N, C-alpha and C. Protein backbone atom coordinates (compact mmCIF):
# COMPACT_ATOMS: atom_id res chain seq x y z
N MET A 1 58.10 -117.21 14.90
CA MET A 1 58.51 -116.03 15.61
C MET A 1 57.24 -115.33 16.11
N ASN A 2 57.21 -115.05 17.41
CA ASN A 2 56.05 -114.45 18.03
C ASN A 2 56.40 -113.02 18.46
N ILE A 3 55.57 -112.05 18.10
CA ILE A 3 55.83 -110.64 18.44
C ILE A 3 54.71 -110.10 19.30
N SER A 4 55.10 -109.34 20.34
CA SER A 4 54.11 -108.63 21.14
C SER A 4 54.59 -107.18 21.29
N VAL A 5 53.73 -106.25 20.95
CA VAL A 5 54.04 -104.82 21.06
C VAL A 5 53.86 -104.42 22.52
N GLU A 6 54.93 -103.90 23.13
CA GLU A 6 54.89 -103.53 24.54
C GLU A 6 54.43 -102.09 24.74
N LYS A 7 54.99 -101.16 23.97
CA LYS A 7 54.66 -99.73 24.11
C LYS A 7 54.63 -99.08 22.74
N LYS A 8 53.76 -98.08 22.61
CA LYS A 8 53.71 -97.24 21.41
C LYS A 8 53.71 -95.79 21.84
N PHE A 9 54.56 -94.99 21.21
CA PHE A 9 54.62 -93.57 21.48
C PHE A 9 54.37 -92.81 20.19
N GLU A 10 53.34 -92.01 20.15
CA GLU A 10 53.05 -91.20 18.97
C GLU A 10 53.89 -89.94 19.03
N ASN A 11 54.58 -89.61 17.93
CA ASN A 11 55.42 -88.42 17.83
C ASN A 11 54.94 -87.61 16.63
N PRO A 12 53.91 -86.76 16.82
CA PRO A 12 53.33 -86.05 15.68
C PRO A 12 54.27 -85.00 15.08
N ALA A 13 55.18 -84.45 15.86
CA ALA A 13 56.10 -83.44 15.34
C ALA A 13 57.01 -84.02 14.26
N LEU A 14 57.47 -85.26 14.45
CA LEU A 14 58.34 -85.92 13.47
C LEU A 14 57.59 -86.88 12.56
N LYS A 15 56.27 -86.92 12.71
CA LYS A 15 55.39 -87.78 11.90
C LYS A 15 55.85 -89.23 11.92
N ARG A 16 56.04 -89.73 13.15
CA ARG A 16 56.45 -91.12 13.32
C ARG A 16 55.85 -91.68 14.59
N GLU A 17 55.98 -92.98 14.74
CA GLU A 17 55.52 -93.68 15.92
C GLU A 17 56.68 -94.54 16.43
N ASP A 18 57.04 -94.38 17.70
CA ASP A 18 58.11 -95.18 18.30
C ASP A 18 57.47 -96.40 18.95
N ILE A 19 57.99 -97.58 18.63
CA ILE A 19 57.41 -98.83 19.11
C ILE A 19 58.47 -99.64 19.82
N GLU A 20 58.13 -100.15 21.00
CA GLU A 20 58.97 -101.10 21.72
C GLU A 20 58.23 -102.44 21.66
N PHE A 21 58.94 -103.48 21.24
CA PHE A 21 58.29 -104.79 21.11
C PHE A 21 59.22 -105.89 21.58
N LYS A 22 58.61 -107.05 21.84
CA LYS A 22 59.34 -108.23 22.30
C LYS A 22 59.09 -109.34 21.29
N MET A 23 60.16 -110.05 20.94
CA MET A 23 60.06 -111.16 19.99
C MET A 23 60.54 -112.44 20.65
N GLU A 24 59.79 -113.51 20.43
CA GLU A 24 60.22 -114.84 20.85
C GLU A 24 60.62 -115.60 19.59
N PHE A 25 61.70 -116.37 19.69
CA PHE A 25 62.20 -117.08 18.52
C PHE A 25 62.63 -118.48 18.92
N ASP A 26 62.83 -119.34 17.92
CA ASP A 26 63.16 -120.74 18.18
C ASP A 26 64.64 -121.04 18.03
N SER A 27 65.26 -120.54 16.97
CA SER A 27 66.66 -120.91 16.73
C SER A 27 67.60 -119.76 17.09
N SER A 28 68.24 -119.15 16.11
CA SER A 28 69.20 -118.09 16.39
C SER A 28 68.49 -116.73 16.53
N ILE A 29 69.22 -115.77 17.05
CA ILE A 29 68.68 -114.42 17.23
C ILE A 29 68.31 -113.87 15.85
N PRO A 30 67.11 -113.32 15.70
CA PRO A 30 66.69 -112.83 14.39
C PRO A 30 67.51 -111.63 13.93
N SER A 31 67.71 -111.54 12.63
CA SER A 31 68.43 -110.40 12.06
C SER A 31 67.50 -109.19 12.04
N ARG A 32 68.08 -108.02 11.71
CA ARG A 32 67.26 -106.81 11.59
C ARG A 32 66.21 -106.97 10.50
N GLU A 33 66.57 -107.60 9.41
CA GLU A 33 65.62 -107.80 8.31
C GLU A 33 64.47 -108.70 8.74
N GLN A 34 64.77 -109.77 9.48
CA GLN A 34 63.73 -110.67 9.97
C GLN A 34 62.83 -109.95 10.97
N ALA A 35 63.44 -109.14 11.85
CA ALA A 35 62.65 -108.39 12.83
C ALA A 35 61.74 -107.38 12.14
N LYS A 36 62.27 -106.71 11.12
CA LYS A 36 61.48 -105.73 10.38
C LYS A 36 60.31 -106.40 9.67
N SER A 37 60.55 -107.54 9.05
CA SER A 37 59.49 -108.27 8.34
C SER A 37 58.41 -108.75 9.32
N ALA A 38 58.83 -109.26 10.45
CA ALA A 38 57.88 -109.76 11.45
C ALA A 38 57.05 -108.62 12.02
N LEU A 39 57.67 -107.49 12.33
CA LEU A 39 56.94 -106.34 12.85
C LEU A 39 56.00 -105.79 11.79
N SER A 40 56.45 -105.76 10.55
CA SER A 40 55.63 -105.27 9.45
C SER A 40 54.34 -106.07 9.32
N SER A 41 54.45 -107.38 9.40
CA SER A 41 53.25 -108.22 9.30
C SER A 41 52.38 -108.13 10.55
N ALA A 42 52.99 -107.89 11.71
CA ALA A 42 52.23 -107.81 12.95
C ALA A 42 51.40 -106.53 13.04
N ILE A 43 51.93 -105.42 12.54
CA ILE A 43 51.20 -104.15 12.64
C ILE A 43 50.63 -103.69 11.30
N SER A 44 50.76 -104.51 10.26
CA SER A 44 50.20 -104.25 8.93
C SER A 44 50.65 -102.92 8.34
N ILE A 45 51.96 -102.70 8.34
CA ILE A 45 52.57 -101.51 7.75
C ILE A 45 53.71 -101.97 6.86
N PRO A 46 53.89 -101.35 5.68
CA PRO A 46 54.99 -101.76 4.79
C PRO A 46 56.34 -101.59 5.47
N LYS A 47 57.24 -102.56 5.24
CA LYS A 47 58.52 -102.53 5.93
C LYS A 47 59.44 -101.41 5.45
N GLU A 48 59.13 -100.76 4.32
CA GLU A 48 59.93 -99.63 3.86
C GLU A 48 59.77 -98.41 4.76
N ARG A 49 58.71 -98.39 5.58
CA ARG A 49 58.47 -97.28 6.49
C ARG A 49 58.96 -97.56 7.91
N ILE A 50 59.58 -98.72 8.13
CA ILE A 50 60.05 -99.11 9.46
C ILE A 50 61.56 -99.06 9.52
N VAL A 51 62.09 -98.46 10.61
CA VAL A 51 63.53 -98.42 10.86
C VAL A 51 63.76 -99.05 12.23
N ILE A 52 64.54 -100.14 12.27
CA ILE A 52 64.86 -100.80 13.53
C ILE A 52 65.97 -100.00 14.22
N ILE A 53 65.73 -99.60 15.45
CA ILE A 53 66.70 -98.81 16.21
C ILE A 53 67.64 -99.71 16.99
N SER A 54 67.10 -100.69 17.71
CA SER A 54 67.96 -101.59 18.48
C SER A 54 67.29 -102.94 18.68
N ILE A 55 68.13 -103.95 18.84
CA ILE A 55 67.68 -105.29 19.21
C ILE A 55 68.59 -105.76 20.33
N GLU A 56 68.01 -106.07 21.48
CA GLU A 56 68.79 -106.48 22.66
C GLU A 56 68.34 -107.88 23.06
N SER A 57 69.30 -108.79 23.10
CA SER A 57 68.96 -110.17 23.47
C SER A 57 69.05 -110.35 24.97
N ASN A 58 68.29 -111.31 25.47
CA ASN A 58 68.30 -111.66 26.88
C ASN A 58 69.08 -112.96 27.04
N TYR A 59 70.12 -112.93 27.84
CA TYR A 59 71.01 -114.08 27.99
C TYR A 59 70.24 -115.30 28.49
N GLY A 60 70.39 -116.39 27.77
CA GLY A 60 69.80 -117.66 28.17
C GLY A 60 68.32 -117.79 27.86
N ARG A 61 67.74 -116.81 27.20
CA ARG A 61 66.32 -116.87 26.88
C ARG A 61 66.14 -116.76 25.38
N LYS A 62 65.05 -117.21 24.92
CA LYS A 62 64.72 -117.15 23.50
C LYS A 62 63.84 -115.94 23.19
N THR A 63 64.18 -114.78 23.78
CA THR A 63 63.45 -113.55 23.52
C THR A 63 64.43 -112.40 23.30
N VAL A 64 63.98 -111.41 22.56
CA VAL A 64 64.73 -110.16 22.38
C VAL A 64 63.79 -108.99 22.59
N ASN A 65 64.33 -107.91 23.13
CA ASN A 65 63.59 -106.65 23.23
C ASN A 65 64.11 -105.76 22.12
N ALA A 66 63.21 -105.11 21.42
CA ALA A 66 63.63 -104.30 20.27
C ALA A 66 62.84 -102.99 20.24
N ARG A 67 63.44 -102.00 19.57
CA ARG A 67 62.80 -100.70 19.37
C ARG A 67 62.82 -100.38 17.89
N ALA A 68 61.74 -99.77 17.42
CA ALA A 68 61.63 -99.40 16.01
C ALA A 68 60.90 -98.07 15.89
N ARG A 69 61.11 -97.42 14.75
CA ARG A 69 60.37 -96.19 14.43
C ARG A 69 59.59 -96.45 13.15
N VAL A 70 58.32 -96.11 13.18
CA VAL A 70 57.45 -96.28 12.02
C VAL A 70 57.06 -94.89 11.53
N TYR A 71 57.43 -94.59 10.29
CA TYR A 71 57.17 -93.28 9.71
C TYR A 71 55.91 -93.32 8.86
N GLN A 72 55.31 -92.13 8.64
CA GLN A 72 54.09 -92.04 7.84
C GLN A 72 54.36 -92.26 6.35
N THR A 73 55.55 -91.88 5.87
CA THR A 73 55.90 -92.09 4.47
C THR A 73 57.33 -92.61 4.37
N GLU A 74 57.67 -93.16 3.21
CA GLU A 74 59.04 -93.65 2.99
C GLU A 74 60.03 -92.50 2.94
N GLU A 75 59.61 -91.33 2.45
CA GLU A 75 60.50 -90.17 2.38
C GLU A 75 60.91 -89.70 3.77
N LEU A 76 59.97 -89.75 4.72
CA LEU A 76 60.31 -89.37 6.09
C LEU A 76 61.27 -90.38 6.72
N ALA A 77 61.12 -91.65 6.38
CA ALA A 77 62.02 -92.69 6.90
C ALA A 77 63.43 -92.49 6.37
N ALA A 78 63.54 -91.96 5.16
CA ALA A 78 64.87 -91.73 4.57
C ALA A 78 65.62 -90.61 5.28
N ALA A 79 64.93 -89.82 6.10
CA ALA A 79 65.57 -88.73 6.83
C ALA A 79 66.20 -89.21 8.15
N GLU A 80 66.07 -90.49 8.44
CA GLU A 80 66.65 -91.06 9.66
C GLU A 80 68.17 -91.03 9.57
N LYS A 81 68.84 -91.20 10.70
CA LYS A 81 70.31 -91.19 10.74
C LYS A 81 70.88 -92.22 9.77
N GLN A 82 71.95 -91.84 9.08
CA GLN A 82 72.51 -92.67 8.01
C GLN A 82 73.00 -94.03 8.51
N HIS A 83 73.60 -94.09 9.70
CA HIS A 83 74.12 -95.37 10.17
C HIS A 83 72.99 -96.37 10.45
N LEU A 84 71.82 -95.87 10.87
CA LEU A 84 70.69 -96.77 11.08
C LEU A 84 70.13 -97.27 9.75
N LEU A 85 70.10 -96.39 8.76
CA LEU A 85 69.62 -96.81 7.44
C LEU A 85 70.56 -97.83 6.81
N LYS A 86 71.87 -97.67 7.02
CA LYS A 86 72.84 -98.64 6.49
C LYS A 86 72.67 -99.99 7.16
N ARG A 87 72.45 -99.99 8.48
CA ARG A 87 72.25 -101.25 9.20
C ARG A 87 71.02 -101.99 8.70
N ASP A 88 69.96 -101.22 8.40
CA ASP A 88 68.72 -101.83 7.95
C ASP A 88 68.73 -102.17 6.47
N GLY A 89 69.79 -101.78 5.76
CA GLY A 89 69.88 -102.09 4.35
C GLY A 89 69.05 -101.17 3.48
N MET A 90 68.65 -100.02 4.00
CA MET A 90 67.86 -99.07 3.22
C MET A 90 68.74 -98.15 2.37
N VAL A 91 70.03 -98.08 2.71
CA VAL A 91 71.00 -97.27 1.96
C VAL A 91 72.19 -98.16 1.66
N VAL A 92 72.66 -98.10 0.44
CA VAL A 92 73.83 -98.88 0.05
C VAL A 92 75.08 -98.15 0.53
N ALA A 93 75.95 -98.85 1.22
CA ALA A 93 77.18 -98.25 1.73
C ALA A 93 78.10 -97.87 0.58
N GLU A 94 78.76 -96.74 0.72
CA GLU A 94 79.70 -96.31 -0.31
C GLU A 94 80.96 -97.16 -0.24
N GLU A 95 81.56 -97.37 -1.41
CA GLU A 95 82.81 -98.11 -1.45
C GLU A 95 83.92 -97.22 -0.94
N PRO A 96 84.84 -97.77 -0.15
CA PRO A 96 85.94 -96.94 0.35
C PRO A 96 86.84 -96.47 -0.79
N LYS A 97 87.28 -95.25 -0.67
CA LYS A 97 88.17 -94.70 -1.69
C LYS A 97 89.56 -95.28 -1.52
N GLU A 98 90.27 -95.39 -2.63
CA GLU A 98 91.62 -95.92 -2.57
C GLU A 98 92.54 -94.88 -1.94
N ALA A 99 93.41 -95.32 -1.09
CA ALA A 99 94.35 -94.43 -0.44
C ALA A 99 95.48 -94.08 -1.41
N LYS A 100 95.87 -92.83 -1.36
CA LYS A 100 96.97 -92.40 -2.22
C LYS A 100 98.28 -92.88 -1.61
N PRO A 101 99.24 -93.29 -2.44
CA PRO A 101 100.52 -93.73 -1.88
C PRO A 101 101.26 -92.55 -1.25
N VAL A 102 101.91 -92.81 -0.14
CA VAL A 102 102.65 -91.78 0.57
C VAL A 102 104.02 -91.64 -0.06
N LYS A 103 104.37 -90.42 -0.37
CA LYS A 103 105.71 -90.17 -0.94
C LYS A 103 106.70 -90.02 0.19
N LYS A 104 107.80 -90.72 0.05
CA LYS A 104 108.84 -90.62 1.07
C LYS A 104 109.80 -89.51 0.70
N LYS A 105 110.16 -88.76 1.72
CA LYS A 105 111.14 -87.68 1.49
C LYS A 105 112.54 -88.28 1.52
N GLU A 106 113.32 -87.84 0.60
CA GLU A 106 114.72 -88.32 0.56
C GLU A 106 115.55 -87.49 1.53
N VAL A 107 116.32 -88.17 2.29
CA VAL A 107 117.18 -87.50 3.26
C VAL A 107 118.59 -87.44 2.68
N LYS A 108 119.16 -86.25 2.61
CA LYS A 108 120.52 -86.09 2.07
C LYS A 108 121.53 -86.41 3.15
N LYS A 109 122.46 -87.24 2.81
CA LYS A 109 123.53 -87.58 3.76
C LYS A 109 124.81 -86.88 3.29
N GLU A 110 125.45 -86.30 4.20
CA GLU A 110 126.70 -85.61 3.85
C GLU A 110 127.92 -86.35 4.32
């Protein structure tokens, strides 16, 4: 898997860096975990501080365009939107609660 960083945007107010990168791959489209690991090794930052925002594949090509946010600390990364953290596997999804049975009203017939 080959990675090239296309753009970097420093965001000092949120203490993060927004990165747009392109990945070339051989077989199937890489998962978020694979993309995070590859980006982590390419920019030498622990993957616990990286949140993948999007991965967009190019039809008929062996490349994907992706966006990620790199935070200064793991605590700042935990403040990211919950659905993105769930996708990246940084937060364990809650088990759905059991639905209560619906009581049927009895209809009186005269």
